[in-house]
Amino acid sequence: MQVNLSGHHVEITPPLRSYVEKKIARILRHCDRVIDVHCTLTVEKLRHEAESTIRLSGTTVHAATVHDDMYAAIDLLADKLDEQVRRHKEKHRDPQAARNRHGTEISP
């Protein structure tokens, strides 16, 4: 898995890079089929924007957030991506196994 981090009008410092990688790693523990991650951080006056695209096998997950603080924008981005990845994983689970876990018998 490859994490690409770029900045528009902002320098990507080592602490900022490690913070983003830590948040992305938290998201990726839900899914084992990650192809690559691209994250862009942008600053325009007092507006800090973070957006990311995660390519999974079979789909692409994208989210963007805006906040007054860059670290808060990254936190919001991580929450959005986490929810989308979990929803994608739940959607593609085996329905037969889900029914068996809940004790519902399936008749042929």
C-alpha atoms as a PDB file:
ATOM      1  CA  MET A   1       0.000   0.000   0.000  1.00  0.00           C
ATOM      2  CA  GLN A   2       1.315   3.400  -0.982  1.00  0.00           C
ATOM      3  CA  VAL A   3       0.399   6.682   0.720  1.00  0.00           C
ATOM      4  CA  ASN A   4       0.869   9.818  -1.391  1.00  0.00           C
ATOM      5  CA  LEU A   5       0.683  13.114   0.481  1.00  0.00           C
ATOM      6  CA  SER A   6       0.784  16.474  -1.281  1.00  0.00           C
ATOM      7  CA  GLY A   7       0.259  20.057  -0.205  1.00  0.00           C
ATOM      8  CA  HIS A   8      -1.056  23.116  -2.000  1.00  0.00           C
ATOM      9  CA  HIS A   9       0.233  26.365  -0.501  1.00  0.00           C
ATOM     10  CA  VAL A  10       1.427  24.433   2.534  1.00  0.00           C
ATOM     11  CA  GLU A  11       4.685  22.667   3.310  1.00  0.00           C
ATOM     12  CA  ILE A  12       4.278  19.056   4.402  1.00  0.00           C
ATOM     13  CA  THR A  13       6.410  18.906   7.540  1.00  0.00           C
ATOM     14  CA  PRO A  14       7.467  15.595   9.112  1.00  0.00           C
ATOM     15  CA  PRO A  15       5.038  16.005  12.074  1.00  0.00           C
ATOM     16  CA  LEU A  16       2.154  16.722   9.678  1.00  0.00           C
ATOM     17  CA  ARG A  17       3.111  13.729   7.516  1.00  0.00           C
ATOM     18  CA  SER A  18       3.299  11.380  10.508  1.00  0.00           C
ATOM     19  CA  TYR A  19      -0.059  12.650  11.806  1.00  0.00           C
ATOM     20  CA  VAL A  20      -1.761  11.958   8.463  1.00  0.00           C
ATOM     21  CA  GLU A  21      -0.135   8.533   8.167  1.00  0.00           C
ATOM     22  CA  LYS A  22      -1.261   7.635  11.699  1.00  0.00           C
ATOM     23  CA  LYS A  23      -4.857   8.618  10.904  1.00  0.00           C
ATOM     24  CA  ILE A  24      -4.832   6.754   7.579  1.00  0.00           C
ATOM     25  CA  ALA A  25      -3.439   3.647   9.281  1.00  0.00           C
ATOM     26  CA  ARG A  26      -6.403   3.730  11.687  1.00  0.00           C
ATOM     27  CA  ILE A  27      -8.772   3.661   8.709  1.00  0.00           C
ATOM     28  CA  LEU A  28      -6.933   0.943   6.850  1.00  0.00           C
ATOM     29  CA  ARG A  29      -7.143  -1.549   9.695  1.00  0.00           C
ATOM     30  CA  HIS A  30     -10.760  -2.120   8.588  1.00  0.00           C
ATOM     31  CA  CYS A  31      -9.803  -3.174   5.077  1.00  0.00           C
ATOM     32  CA  ASP A  32      -7.023  -5.393   3.787  1.00  0.00           C
ATOM     33  CA  ARG A  33      -7.429  -4.746   0.051  1.00  0.00           C
ATOM     34  CA  VAL A  34      -6.062  -1.225  -0.219  1.00  0.00           C
ATOM     35  CA  ILE A  35      -4.321  -0.352  -3.475  1.00  0.00           C
ATOM     36  CA  ASP A  36      -3.216   3.206  -2.744  1.00  0.00           C
ATOM     37  CA  VAL A  37      -4.074   6.347  -0.795  1.00  0.00           C
ATOM     38  CA  HIS A  38      -3.749   9.905  -2.063  1.00  0.00           C
ATOM     39  CA  CYS A  39      -4.189  12.782   0.382  1.00  0.00           C
ATOM     40  CA  THR A  40      -4.056  16.494  -0.457  1.00  0.00           C
ATOM     41  CA  LEU A  41      -3.783  19.288   2.111  1.00  0.00           C
ATOM     42  CA  THR A  42      -4.633  22.837   1.008  1.00  0.00           C
ATOM     43  CA  VAL A  43      -4.466  26.209   2.732  1.00  0.00           C
ATOM     44  CA  GLU A  44      -6.338  29.264   1.413  1.00  0.00           C
ATOM     45  CA  LYS A  45      -6.213  32.215   3.773  1.00  0.00           C
ATOM     46  CA  LEU A  46      -7.826  30.935   7.003  1.00  0.00           C
ATOM     47  CA  ARG A  47      -9.436  27.920   5.364  1.00  0.00           C
ATOM     48  CA  HIS A  48      -7.656  24.565   5.784  1.00  0.00           C
ATOM     49  CA  GLU A  49      -8.867  21.788   3.533  1.00  0.00           C
ATOM     50  CA  ALA A  50      -8.009  18.087   3.620  1.00  0.00           C
ATOM     51  CA  GLU A  51      -9.152  15.644   0.984  1.00  0.00           C
ATOM     52  CA  SER A  52      -8.293  12.051   0.330  1.00  0.00           C
ATOM     53  CA  THR A  53      -8.989   9.283  -2.138  1.00  0.00           C
ATOM     54  CA  ILE A  54      -8.544   5.651  -1.152  1.00  0.00           C
ATOM     55  CA  ARG A  55      -8.535   3.058  -3.916  1.00  0.00           C
ATOM     56  CA  LEU A  56      -9.782  -0.305  -2.704  1.00  0.00           C
ATOM     57  CA  SER A  57     -10.122  -3.363  -4.861  1.00  0.00           C
ATOM     58  CA  GLY A  58     -13.430  -2.807  -6.627  1.00  0.00           C
ATOM     59  CA  THR A  59     -14.176   0.749  -5.510  1.00  0.00           C
ATOM     60  CA  THR A  60     -12.820   4.195  -4.728  1.00  0.00           C
ATOM     61  CA  VAL A  61     -13.616   6.108  -1.537  1.00  0.00           C
ATOM     62  CA  HIS A  62     -13.299   9.911  -1.529  1.00  0.00           C
ATOM     63  CA  ALA A  63     -13.871  12.513   1.191  1.00  0.00           C
ATOM     64  CA  ALA A  64     -13.060  16.187   1.717  1.00  0.00           C
ATOM     65  CA  THR A  65     -13.308  18.457   4.768  1.00  0.00           C
ATOM     66  CA  VAL A  66     -12.735  22.122   5.592  1.00  0.00           C
ATOM     67  CA  HIS A  67     -11.874  23.596   9.004  1.00  0.00           C
ATOM     68  CA  ASP A  68     -10.016  26.520  10.579  1.00  0.00           C
ATOM     69  CA  ASP A  69      -7.274  24.191  11.867  1.00  0.00           C
ATOM     70  CA  MET A  70      -5.380  21.717   9.665  1.00  0.00           C
ATOM     71  CA  TYR A  71      -5.192  19.002  12.339  1.00  0.00           C
ATOM     72  CA  ALA A  72      -8.945  19.288  12.957  1.00  0.00           C
ATOM     73  CA  ALA A  73      -9.573  19.021   9.206  1.00  0.00           C
ATOM     74  CA  ILE A  74      -7.460  15.838   9.119  1.00  0.00           C
ATOM     75  CA  ASP A  75      -9.424  14.428  12.078  1.00  0.00           C
ATOM     76  CA  LEU A  76     -12.747  15.112  10.332  1.00  0.00           C
ATOM     77  CA  LEU A  77     -11.400  13.580   7.133  1.00  0.00           C
ATOM     78  CA  ALA A  78     -10.320  10.440   8.965  1.00  0.00           C
ATOM     79  CA  ASP A  79     -13.774  10.096  10.542  1.00  0.00           C
ATOM     80  CA  LYS A  80     -15.517  10.429   7.178  1.00  0.00           C
ATOM     81  CA  LEU A  81     -13.216   7.954   5.454  1.00  0.00           C
ATOM     82  CA  ASP A  82     -13.498   5.506   8.340  1.00  0.00           C
ATOM     83  CA  GLU A  83     -17.290   5.514   8.079  1.00  0.00           C
ATOM     84  CA  GLN A  84     -17.217   5.053   4.302  1.00  0.00           C
ATOM     85  CA  VAL A  85     -14.734   2.172   4.452  1.00  0.00           C
ATOM     86  CA  ARG A  86     -16.737   0.435   7.196  1.00  0.00           C
ATOM     87  CA  ARG A  87     -19.957   0.884   5.189  1.00  0.00           C
ATOM     88  CA  HIS A  88     -18.272  -0.554   2.097  1.00  0.00           C
ATOM     89  CA  LYS A  89     -16.981  -3.528   4.076  1.00  0.00           C
ATOM     90  CA  GLU A  90     -20.417  -4.245   5.593  1.00  0.00           C
ATOM     91  CA  LYS A  91     -22.049  -3.981   2.186  1.00  0.00           C
ATOM     92  CA  HIS A  92     -19.742  -6.565   0.648  1.00  0.00           C
ATOM     93  CA  ARG A  93     -19.861  -9.125   3.434  1.00  0.00           C
ATOM     94  CA  ASP A  94     -21.222 -12.535   2.626  1.00  0.00           C
ATOM     95  CA  PRO A  95     -25.010 -12.396   3.227  1.00  0.00           C
ATOM     96  CA  GLN A  96     -25.119 -16.155   3.904  1.00  0.00           C
ATOM     97  CA  ALA A  97     -22.613 -15.839   6.740  1.00  0.00           C
ATOM     98  CA  ALA A  98     -24.481 -12.849   8.178  1.00  0.00           C
ATOM     99  CA  ARG A  99     -27.749 -14.799   8.309  1.00  0.00           C
ATOM    100  CA  ASN A 100     -26.051 -17.782   9.939  1.00  0.00           C
ATOM    101  CA  ARG A 101     -24.483 -15.555  12.580  1.00  0.00           C
ATOM    102  CA  HIS A 102     -27.866 -14.193  13.548  1.00  0.00           C
ATOM    103  CA  GLY A 103     -29.326 -17.690  13.828  1.00  0.00           C
ATOM    104  CA  THR A 104     -31.708 -17.428  10.894  1.00  0.00           C
ATOM    105  CA  GLU A 105     -32.077 -20.642   8.956  1.00  0.00           C
ATOM    106  CA  ILE A 106     -32.162 -20.425   5.202  1.00  0.00           C
ATOM    107  CA  SER A 107     -34.322 -23.033   3.518  1.00  0.00           C
ATOM    108  CA  PRO A 108     -33.358 -24.230   0.013  1.00  0.00           C
END
